[in-house]
Amino acid sequence: MGKEYEGNNEVESFVDAHLAMLPEIVRVTAPGGSICWQVGNYVRKNEVIPLDYLVYDVMRAFPDMKLRNRIVWMFGHGLHCQTRFSGRHETILWFTKGDDYLFDLDAVRVRQKYPGKRSSKGPNKGELSGNPKGKNPSDIWDIPNVKANHIEKTEHPCQFPVALVQRLVKALCPVDGILLDPYCGVGSSGVAAMLEKRRFLGGELSEKYADVAKDRITEAVSGIARVRPLDMPVYEPSPNEKVAKRPDHFWQQTTDDILG
């Protein structure tokens, strides 16, 4: 919403579009299936309108649909604001159709921060306290957004990374399941489905973007997809790199600044 390729949409038309679309998405979702709806924020006259709340309000009309997580997708790059804090996140609302749903946590566990930590008390005192398979990735996901130098970058202005969908697919979609994306753009969700051996259905009004999506999905099937690996750490420059060195005229926080 509010992107150059969508025209001059306002909040009211956003809600109307979801009132028309979401009932159909719910209808075709199998019992126990999941709906993951990714939205950003809309800014009008410097006022932020949380679009995920509007989506949730529409979904409340369907008592079988239960919100399991409000996943925050955080990223490091975007517009620099002067009159408010710079926005660096969007959200994914994960709904399930009923209470008997798939959640394969083991498929998406991540490396623990303290894998050698041991229990300090109780019957397991002295034993490793973590799960050997890794920890729950939580509902805050730090995944780089697709900017100019990203390996997945195409001509789409608001392309999301394959890894964002890939984690959802691994955890929520059975191997023989179908991933449906009614607004598939350049096919990032289709690429994720192919990488994880799921079936895919996608819809896209733009013929230009649909052609790009077909090419990317074909590459994924052929094993030559250009993607950033899901488990690749977010880049942090080392202190010795030029980009990490602070110029003399840049402000640096001191102990006096912290203590006041």
C-alpha atoms as a PDB file:
ATOM      1  CA  MET A   1       0.000   0.000   0.000  1.00  0.00           C
ATOM      2  CA  GLY A   2       1.277   3.432  -0.909  1.00  0.00           C
ATOM      3  CA  LYS A   3       3.967   2.008  -3.227  1.00  0.00           C
ATOM      4  CA  GLU A   4       4.538   3.527  -6.642  1.00  0.00           C
ATOM      5  CA  TYR A   5       3.187   0.499  -8.475  1.00  0.00           C
ATOM      6  CA  GLU A   6      -0.094   0.467  -6.526  1.00  0.00           C
ATOM      7  CA  GLY A   7      -1.298   3.974  -7.294  1.00  0.00           C
ATOM      8  CA  ASN A   8      -2.645   6.396  -4.704  1.00  0.00           C
ATOM      9  CA  ASN A   9      -4.382   3.967  -2.360  1.00  0.00           C
ATOM     10  CA  GLU A  10      -5.726   5.163   0.957  1.00  0.00           C
ATOM     11  CA  VAL A  11      -6.618   3.297   4.116  1.00  0.00           C
ATOM     12  CA  GLU A  12     -10.259   2.897   3.156  1.00  0.00           C
ATOM     13  CA  SER A  13      -9.464   1.200  -0.143  1.00  0.00           C
ATOM     14  CA  PHE A  14      -6.922  -1.016   1.640  1.00  0.00           C
ATOM     15  CA  VAL A  15      -9.639  -2.251   3.989  1.00  0.00           C
ATOM     16  CA  ASP A  16     -12.126  -2.693   1.138  1.00  0.00           C
ATOM     17  CA  ALA A  17      -9.627  -4.789  -0.812  1.00  0.00           C
ATOM     18  CA  HIS A  18      -9.066  -7.038   2.189  1.00  0.00           C
ATOM     19  CA  LEU A  19     -12.779  -7.367   2.845  1.00  0.00           C
ATOM     20  CA  ALA A  20     -13.041  -8.742  -0.691  1.00  0.00           C
ATOM     21  CA  MET A  21      -9.894 -10.897  -0.721  1.00  0.00           C
ATOM     22  CA  LEU A  22      -9.515 -12.414   2.739  1.00  0.00           C
ATOM     23  CA  PRO A  23     -12.840 -14.322   2.765  1.00  0.00           C
ATOM     24  CA  GLU A  24     -11.672 -16.136  -0.374  1.00  0.00           C
ATOM     25  CA  ILE A  25      -8.267 -16.874   1.153  1.00  0.00           C
ATOM     26  CA  VAL A  26      -9.959 -18.285   4.251  1.00  0.00           C
ATOM     27  CA  ARG A  27     -12.321 -20.342   2.090  1.00  0.00           C
ATOM     28  CA  VAL A  28      -9.535 -22.131   0.210  1.00  0.00           C
ATOM     29  CA  THR A  29      -7.361 -22.683   3.285  1.00  0.00           C
ATOM     30  CA  ALA A  30      -7.563 -26.299   4.434  1.00  0.00           C
ATOM     31  CA  PRO A  31      -8.551 -27.071   8.037  1.00  0.00           C
ATOM     32  CA  GLY A  32      -5.346 -26.897  10.046  1.00  0.00           C
ATOM     33  CA  GLY A  33      -3.744 -24.739   7.374  1.00  0.00           C
ATOM     34  CA  SER A  34      -2.026 -21.408   7.909  1.00  0.00           C
ATOM     35  CA  ILE A  35      -2.428 -17.908   6.515  1.00  0.00           C
ATOM     36  CA  CYS A  36       0.633 -15.658   6.783  1.00  0.00           C
ATOM     37  CA  TRP A  37      -0.182 -12.060   5.850  1.00  0.00           C
ATOM     38  CA  GLN A  38       2.760  -9.682   5.521  1.00  0.00           C
ATOM     39  CA  VAL A  39       2.126  -5.939   5.724  1.00  0.00           C
ATOM     40  CA  GLY A  40       4.054  -2.776   6.435  1.00  0.00           C
ATOM     41  CA  ASN A  41       2.985   0.586   7.820  1.00  0.00           C
ATOM     42  CA  TYR A  42       1.233   3.379   5.978  1.00  0.00           C
ATOM     43  CA  VAL A  43       2.312   6.946   6.658  1.00  0.00           C
ATOM     44  CA  ARG A  44      -0.135   9.765   5.972  1.00  0.00           C
ATOM     45  CA  LYS A  45       0.775  13.354   6.896  1.00  0.00           C
ATOM     46  CA  ASN A  46       3.521  11.996   9.160  1.00  0.00           C
ATOM     47  CA  GLU A  47       1.040   9.780  11.040  1.00  0.00           C
ATOM     48  CA  VAL A  48       1.793   6.041  11.065  1.00  0.00           C
ATOM     49  CA  ILE A  49      -1.200   3.763  10.507  1.00  0.00           C
ATOM     50  CA  PRO A  50      -0.512   0.110  11.513  1.00  0.00           C
ATOM     51  CA  LEU A  51      -1.947  -1.878   8.635  1.00  0.00           C
ATOM     52  CA  ASP A  52      -1.610  -5.204  10.433  1.00  0.00           C
ATOM     53  CA  TYR A  53      -4.234  -4.070  12.928  1.00  0.00           C
ATOM     54  CA  LEU A  54      -6.637  -3.374  10.060  1.00  0.00           C
ATOM     55  CA  VAL A  55      -5.994  -6.855   8.655  1.00  0.00           C
ATOM     56  CA  TYR A  56      -6.563  -8.421  12.072  1.00  0.00           C
ATOM     57  CA  ASP A  57      -9.826  -6.522  12.385  1.00  0.00           C
ATOM     58  CA  VAL A  58     -11.035  -8.012   9.084  1.00  0.00           C
ATOM     59  CA  MET A  59      -9.966 -11.529  10.112  1.00  0.00           C
ATOM     60  CA  ARG A  60     -11.963 -11.329  13.338  1.00  0.00           C
ATOM     61  CA  ALA A  61     -15.055 -12.070  11.249  1.00  0.00           C
ATOM     62  CA  PHE A  62     -13.845 -15.684  10.909  1.00  0.00           C
ATOM     63  CA  PRO A  63     -14.021 -17.458  14.293  1.00  0.00           C
ATOM     64  CA  ASP A  64     -12.025 -20.464  13.035  1.00  0.00           C
ATOM     65  CA  MET A  65      -9.027 -18.267  12.227  1.00  0.00           C
ATOM     66  CA  LYS A  66      -6.747 -17.943  15.256  1.00  0.00           C
ATOM     67  CA  LEU A  67      -3.833 -15.513  15.406  1.00  0.00           C
ATOM     68  CA  ARG A  68      -0.776 -17.468  16.606  1.00  0.00           C
ATOM     69  CA  ASN A  69       1.960 -14.880  16.162  1.00  0.00           C
ATOM     70  CA  ARG A  70       2.538 -11.300  15.154  1.00  0.00           C
ATOM     71  CA  ILE A  71       6.001 -11.760  13.674  1.00  0.00           C
ATOM     72  CA  VAL A  72       8.172  -8.665  13.439  1.00  0.00           C
ATOM     73  CA  TRP A  73      10.474  -8.657  10.422  1.00  0.00           C
ATOM     74  CA  MET A  74      13.305  -6.245  11.182  1.00  0.00           C
ATOM     75  CA  PHE A  75      15.880  -5.018   8.684  1.00  0.00           C
ATOM     76  CA  GLY A  76      18.744  -2.574   8.706  1.00  0.00           C
ATOM     77  CA  HIS A  77      18.113  -0.344   5.707  1.00  0.00           C
ATOM     78  CA  GLY A  78      15.374   2.064   4.681  1.00  0.00           C
ATOM     79  CA  LEU A  79      14.372   5.719   4.608  1.00  0.00           C
ATOM     80  CA  HIS A  80      15.961   8.026   7.169  1.00  0.00           C
ATOM     81  CA  CYS A  81      13.266  10.017   8.962  1.00  0.00           C
ATOM     82  CA  GLN A  82      13.727  13.490  10.444  1.00  0.00           C
ATOM     83  CA  THR A  83      10.494  13.873  12.429  1.00  0.00           C
ATOM     84  CA  ARG A  84      10.122  10.359  13.902  1.00  0.00           C
ATOM     85  CA  PHE A  85      12.200   7.221  14.438  1.00  0.00           C
ATOM     86  CA  SER A  86      13.172   5.585  11.150  1.00  0.00           C
ATOM     87  CA  GLY A  87      10.968   2.602  10.342  1.00  0.00           C
ATOM     88  CA  ARG A  88      12.921  -0.637  10.219  1.00  0.00           C
ATOM     89  CA  HIS A  89      10.293  -3.343  10.509  1.00  0.00           C
ATOM     90  CA  GLU A  90       7.207  -4.832   8.943  1.00  0.00           C
ATOM     91  CA  THR A  91       4.934  -7.524  10.332  1.00  0.00           C
ATOM     92  CA  ILE A  92       3.600 -10.950   9.425  1.00  0.00           C
ATOM     93  CA  LEU A  93       0.325 -12.083  10.961  1.00  0.00           C
ATOM     94  CA  TRP A  94       0.238 -15.878  11.239  1.00  0.00           C
ATOM     95  CA  PHE A  95      -3.268 -17.295  11.502  1.00  0.00           C
ATOM     96  CA  THR A  96      -4.289 -20.954  11.645  1.00  0.00           C
ATOM     97  CA  LYS A  97      -7.607 -22.421  10.587  1.00  0.00           C
ATOM     98  CA  GLY A  98      -8.550 -24.168  13.809  1.00  0.00           C
ATOM     99  CA  ASP A  99      -6.430 -25.513  16.630  1.00  0.00           C
ATOM    100  CA  ASP A 100      -5.121 -28.704  14.998  1.00  0.00           C
ATOM    101  CA  TYR A 101      -2.337 -27.162  12.926  1.00  0.00           C
ATOM    102  CA  LEU A 102       1.216 -27.930  11.826  1.00  0.00           C
ATOM    103  CA  PHE A 103       4.108 -26.198  13.563  1.00  0.00           C
ATOM    104  CA  ASP A 104       7.434 -27.910  12.868  1.00  0.00           C
ATOM    105  CA  LEU A 105       9.697 -26.044  15.269  1.00  0.00           C
ATOM    106  CA  ASP A 106      12.629 -28.416  14.777  1.00  0.00           C
ATOM    107  CA  ALA A 107      12.735 -27.487  11.082  1.00  0.00           C
ATOM    108  CA  VAL A 108      13.473 -23.835  11.849  1.00  0.00           C
ATOM    109  CA  ARG A 109      15.522 -23.856  15.036  1.00  0.00           C
ATOM    110  CA  VAL A 110      18.495 -21.486  15.059  1.00  0.00           C
ATOM    111  CA  ARG A 111      21.875 -21.472  16.760  1.00  0.00           C
ATOM    112  CA  GLN A 112      21.766 -20.734  20.472  1.00  0.00           C
ATOM    113  CA  LYS A 113      23.560 -17.694  21.841  1.00  0.00           C
ATOM    114  CA  TYR A 114      24.966 -19.725  24.750  1.00  0.00           C
ATOM    115  CA  PRO A 115      25.090 -23.368  23.580  1.00  0.00           C
ATOM    116  CA  GLY A 116      27.403 -24.310  26.452  1.00  0.00           C
ATOM    117  CA  LYS A 117      25.118 -22.970  29.179  1.00  0.00           C
ATOM    118  CA  ARG A 118      24.273 -25.487  31.921  1.00  0.00           C
ATOM    119  CA  SER A 119      21.416 -25.680  34.412  1.00  0.00           C
ATOM    120  CA  SER A 120      22.368 -24.229  37.793  1.00  0.00           C
ATOM    121  CA  LYS A 121      19.740 -26.012  39.897  1.00  0.00           C
ATOM    122  CA  GLY A 122      17.042 -28.656  39.890  1.00  0.00           C
ATOM    123  CA  PRO A 123      17.244 -32.287  38.746  1.00  0.00           C
ATOM    124  CA  ASN A 124      19.207 -31.303  35.620  1.00  0.00           C
ATOM    125  CA  LYS A 125      21.817 -29.256  37.486  1.00  0.00           C
ATOM    126  CA  GLY A 126      25.133 -29.291  35.643  1.00  0.00           C
ATOM    127  CA  GLU A 127      23.625 -30.548  32.397  1.00  0.00           C
ATOM    128  CA  LEU A 128      23.382 -28.546  29.181  1.00  0.00           C
ATOM    129  CA  SER A 129      20.175 -26.530  29.368  1.00  0.00           C
ATOM    130  CA  GLY A 130      19.575 -25.892  25.684  1.00  0.00           C
ATOM    131  CA  ASN A 131      18.010 -28.023  22.983  1.00  0.00           C
ATOM    132  CA  PRO A 132      20.747 -29.774  20.946  1.00  0.00           C
ATOM    133  CA  LYS A 133      18.832 -28.924  17.768  1.00  0.00           C
ATOM    134  CA  GLY A 134      18.931 -25.195  18.490  1.00  0.00           C
ATOM    135  CA  LYS A 135      16.536 -22.618  19.895  1.00  0.00           C
ATOM    136  CA  ASN A 136      13.168 -21.246  18.850  1.00  0.00           C
ATOM    137  CA  PRO A 137      13.837 -18.318  16.457  1.00  0.00           C
ATOM    138  CA  SER A 138      11.283 -16.181  18.356  1.00  0.00           C
ATOM    139  CA  ASP A 139       8.864 -13.745  16.728  1.00  0.00           C
ATOM    140  CA  ILE A 140      11.547 -11.149  15.908  1.00  0.00           C
ATOM    141  CA  TRP A 141      13.284 -12.009  12.625  1.00  0.00           C
ATOM    142  CA  ASP A 142      16.371 -10.089  11.545  1.00  0.00           C
ATOM    143  CA  ILE A 143      16.519 -10.731   7.795  1.00  0.00           C
ATOM    144  CA  PRO A 144      18.064  -8.181   5.391  1.00  0.00           C
ATOM    145  CA  ASN A 145      15.580  -6.539   3.039  1.00  0.00           C
ATOM    146  CA  VAL A 146      16.190  -6.613  -0.700  1.00  0.00           C
ATOM    147  CA  LYS A 147      18.090  -3.488  -1.720  1.00  0.00           C
ATOM    148  CA  ALA A 148      20.290  -2.658  -4.719  1.00  0.00           C
ATOM    149  CA  ASN A 149      23.236  -4.902  -3.840  1.00  0.00           C
ATOM    150  CA  HIS A 150      21.161  -7.871  -2.644  1.00  0.00           C
ATOM    151  CA  ILE A 151      21.757 -11.074  -4.599  1.00  0.00           C
ATOM    152  CA  GLU A 152      18.001 -11.518  -5.148  1.00  0.00           C
ATOM    153  CA  LYS A 153      17.314  -7.978  -6.400  1.00  0.00           C
ATOM    154  CA  THR A 154      15.054  -7.594  -9.449  1.00  0.00           C
ATOM    155  CA  GLU A 155      13.235  -4.565 -10.871  1.00  0.00           C
ATOM    156  CA  HIS A 156      10.376  -4.900  -8.358  1.00  0.00           C
ATOM    157  CA  PRO A 157      10.424  -1.900  -5.966  1.00  0.00           C
ATOM    158  CA  CYS A 158       9.164  -3.766  -2.899  1.00  0.00           C
ATOM    159  CA  GLN A 159      10.538  -7.268  -3.263  1.00  0.00           C
ATOM    160  CA  PHE A 160      10.793  -9.290  -0.063  1.00  0.00           C
ATOM    161  CA  PRO A 161      13.569 -11.816   0.616  1.00  0.00           C
ATOM    162  CA  VAL A 162      13.105 -15.513  -0.069  1.00  0.00           C
ATOM    163  CA  ALA A 163      14.329 -16.340   3.453  1.00  0.00           C
ATOM    164  CA  LEU A 164      11.334 -14.565   4.966  1.00  0.00           C
ATOM    165  CA  VAL A 165       8.963 -17.022   3.290  1.00  0.00           C
ATOM    166  CA  GLN A 166      11.306 -19.980   3.531  1.00  0.00           C
ATOM    167  CA  ARG A 167      11.166 -20.078   7.327  1.00  0.00           C
ATOM    168  CA  LEU A 168       7.371 -19.968   7.254  1.00  0.00           C
ATOM    169  CA  VAL A 169       7.204 -22.729   4.656  1.00  0.00           C
ATOM    170  CA  LYS A 170       9.544 -25.014   6.598  1.00  0.00           C
ATOM    171  CA  ALA A 171       7.586 -24.594   9.822  1.00  0.00           C
ATOM    172  CA  LEU A 172       3.985 -24.396   8.648  1.00  0.00           C
ATOM    173  CA  CYS A 173       3.538 -26.163   5.303  1.00  0.00           C
ATOM    174  CA  PRO A 174       3.696 -29.973   4.992  1.00  0.00           C
ATOM    175  CA  VAL A 175       5.994 -31.410   2.349  1.00  0.00           C
ATOM    176  CA  ASP A 176       2.996 -32.356   0.200  1.00  0.00           C
ATOM    177  CA  GLY A 177       1.254 -29.045   0.877  1.00  0.00           C
ATOM    178  CA  ILE A 178       0.475 -26.115  -1.402  1.00  0.00           C
ATOM    179  CA  LEU A 179       1.656 -22.547  -0.935  1.00  0.00           C
ATOM    180  CA  LEU A 180      -0.715 -19.925  -2.377  1.00  0.00           C
ATOM    181  CA  ASP A 181       0.375 -16.328  -2.918  1.00  0.00           C
ATOM    182  CA  PRO A 182      -2.364 -14.182  -4.523  1.00  0.00           C
ATOM    183  CA  TYR A 183       0.025 -11.233  -4.876  1.00  0.00           C
ATOM    184  CA  CYS A 184       3.188 -13.050  -5.847  1.00  0.00           C
ATOM    185  CA  GLY A 185       5.054 -10.165  -7.520  1.00  0.00           C
ATOM    186  CA  VAL A 186       8.381 -11.487  -8.794  1.00  0.00           C
ATOM    187  CA  GLY A 187       7.887 -14.884  -7.197  1.00  0.00           C
ATOM    188  CA  SER A 188       9.924 -14.878  -3.986  1.00  0.00           C
ATOM    189  CA  SER A 189       7.318 -17.100  -2.332  1.00  0.00           C
ATOM    190  CA  GLY A 190       7.397 -19.448  -5.317  1.00  0.00           C
ATOM    191  CA  VAL A 191      11.170 -19.714  -5.085  1.00  0.00           C
ATOM    192  CA  ALA A 192      10.879 -20.544  -1.377  1.00  0.00           C
ATOM    193  CA  ALA A 193       8.294 -23.225  -2.133  1.00  0.00           C
ATOM    194  CA  MET A 194      10.510 -24.849  -4.761  1.00  0.00           C
ATOM    195  CA  LEU A 195      13.568 -24.795  -2.488  1.00  0.00           C
ATOM    196  CA  GLU A 196      11.573 -26.581   0.216  1.00  0.00           C
ATOM    197  CA  LYS A 197       9.912 -29.099  -2.146  1.00  0.00           C
ATOM    198  CA  ARG A 198       6.380 -27.702  -1.823  1.00  0.00           C
ATOM    199  CA  ARG A 199       3.844 -26.996  -4.540  1.00  0.00           C
ATOM    200  CA  PHE A 200       3.010 -23.417  -5.468  1.00  0.00           C
ATOM    201  CA  LEU A 201       0.148 -21.358  -6.873  1.00  0.00           C
ATOM    202  CA  GLY A 202       0.675 -17.659  -7.517  1.00  0.00           C
ATOM    203  CA  GLY A 203      -1.312 -14.780  -8.946  1.00  0.00           C
ATOM    204  CA  GLU A 204       0.055 -11.511 -10.333  1.00  0.00           C
ATOM    205  CA  LEU A 205      -1.636  -8.747 -12.357  1.00  0.00           C
ATOM    206  CA  SER A 206       1.580  -7.337 -13.809  1.00  0.00           C
ATOM    207  CA  GLU A 207       2.711  -9.343 -16.819  1.00  0.00           C
ATOM    208  CA  LYS A 208       6.206  -7.900 -16.420  1.00  0.00           C
ATOM    209  CA  TYR A 209       6.556  -9.162 -12.857  1.00  0.00           C
ATOM    210  CA  ALA A 210       4.868 -12.470 -13.672  1.00  0.00           C
ATOM    211  CA  ASP A 211       7.513 -13.146 -16.329  1.00  0.00           C
ATOM    212  CA  VAL A 212      10.277 -12.455 -13.808  1.00  0.00           C
ATOM    213  CA  ALA A 213       8.550 -14.765 -11.325  1.00  0.00           C
ATOM    214  CA  LYS A 214       8.403 -17.594 -13.866  1.00  0.00           C
ATOM    215  CA  ASP A 215      12.115 -17.239 -14.605  1.00  0.00           C
ATOM    216  CA  ARG A 216      13.062 -17.209 -10.928  1.00  0.00           C
ATOM    217  CA  ILE A 217      10.903 -20.225 -10.107  1.00  0.00           C
ATOM    218  CA  THR A 218      12.355 -22.109 -13.066  1.00  0.00           C
ATOM    219  CA  GLU A 219      15.846 -21.343 -11.773  1.00  0.00           C
ATOM    220  CA  ALA A 220      14.847 -22.635  -8.331  1.00  0.00           C
ATOM    221  CA  VAL A 221      13.558 -25.887  -9.814  1.00  0.00           C
ATOM    222  CA  SER A 222      16.821 -26.230 -11.753  1.00  0.00           C
ATOM    223  CA  GLY A 223      18.895 -25.654  -8.624  1.00  0.00           C
ATOM    224  CA  ILE A 224      20.439 -22.372  -9.773  1.00  0.00           C
ATOM    225  CA  ALA A 225      18.306 -19.864  -7.865  1.00  0.00           C
ATOM    226  CA  ARG A 226      20.153 -16.767  -6.669  1.00  0.00           C
ATOM    227  CA  VAL A 227      19.139 -16.531  -3.022  1.00  0.00           C
ATOM    228  CA  ARG A 228      20.583 -15.404   0.265  1.00  0.00           C
ATOM    229  CA  PRO A 229      20.735 -18.509   2.513  1.00  0.00           C
ATOM    230  CA  LEU A 230      18.241 -18.566   5.360  1.00  0.00           C
ATOM    231  CA  ASP A 231      20.935 -19.373   7.921  1.00  0.00           C
ATOM    232  CA  MET A 232      23.403 -16.735   6.728  1.00  0.00           C
ATOM    233  CA  PRO A 233      24.242 -14.308   9.577  1.00  0.00           C
ATOM    234  CA  VAL A 234      23.468 -10.622   9.121  1.00  0.00           C
ATOM    235  CA  TYR A 235      26.652  -8.859   8.037  1.00  0.00           C
ATOM    236  CA  GLU A 236      28.541  -6.977  10.731  1.00  0.00           C
ATOM    237  CA  PRO A 237      31.738  -5.162   9.682  1.00  0.00           C
ATOM    238  CA  SER A 238      34.859  -5.915  11.688  1.00  0.00           C
ATOM    239  CA  PRO A 239      36.414  -2.990  13.609  1.00  0.00           C
ATOM    240  CA  ASN A 240      39.337  -2.934  11.167  1.00  0.00           C
ATOM    241  CA  GLU A 241      37.210  -2.432   8.058  1.00  0.00           C
ATOM    242  CA  LYS A 242      37.193   1.063   6.592  1.00  0.00           C
ATOM    243  CA  VAL A 243      33.407   1.385   6.759  1.00  0.00           C
ATOM    244  CA  ALA A 244      33.492   0.659  10.514  1.00  0.00           C
ATOM    245  CA  LYS A 245      36.043   3.315  11.404  1.00  0.00           C
ATOM    246  CA  ARG A 246      34.620   6.518  12.853  1.00  0.00           C
ATOM    247  CA  PRO A 247      35.784   9.765  11.224  1.00  0.00           C
ATOM    248  CA  ASP A 248      37.210  12.272  13.692  1.00  0.00           C
ATOM    249  CA  HIS A 249      34.349  14.725  13.234  1.00  0.00           C
ATOM    250  CA  PHE A 250      31.623  12.117  13.932  1.00  0.00           C
ATOM    251  CA  TRP A 251      29.961  12.105  17.357  1.00  0.00           C
ATOM    252  CA  GLN A 252      30.982   9.297  19.694  1.00  0.00           C
ATOM    253  CA  GLN A 253      29.079   8.381  22.842  1.00  0.00           C
ATOM    254  CA  THR A 254      31.188   8.670  25.989  1.00  0.00           C
ATOM    255  CA  THR A 255      30.766   7.476  29.553  1.00  0.00           C
ATOM    256  CA  ASP A 256      29.776  11.025  30.537  1.00  0.00           C
ATOM    257  CA  ASP A 257      27.004  10.975  27.902  1.00  0.00           C
ATOM    258  CA  ILE A 258      25.630   7.729  29.328  1.00  0.00           C
ATOM    259  CA  LEU A 259      25.809   8.792  32.988  1.00  0.00           C
ATOM    260  CA  GLY A 260      24.610  12.337  32.319  1.00  0.00           C
END
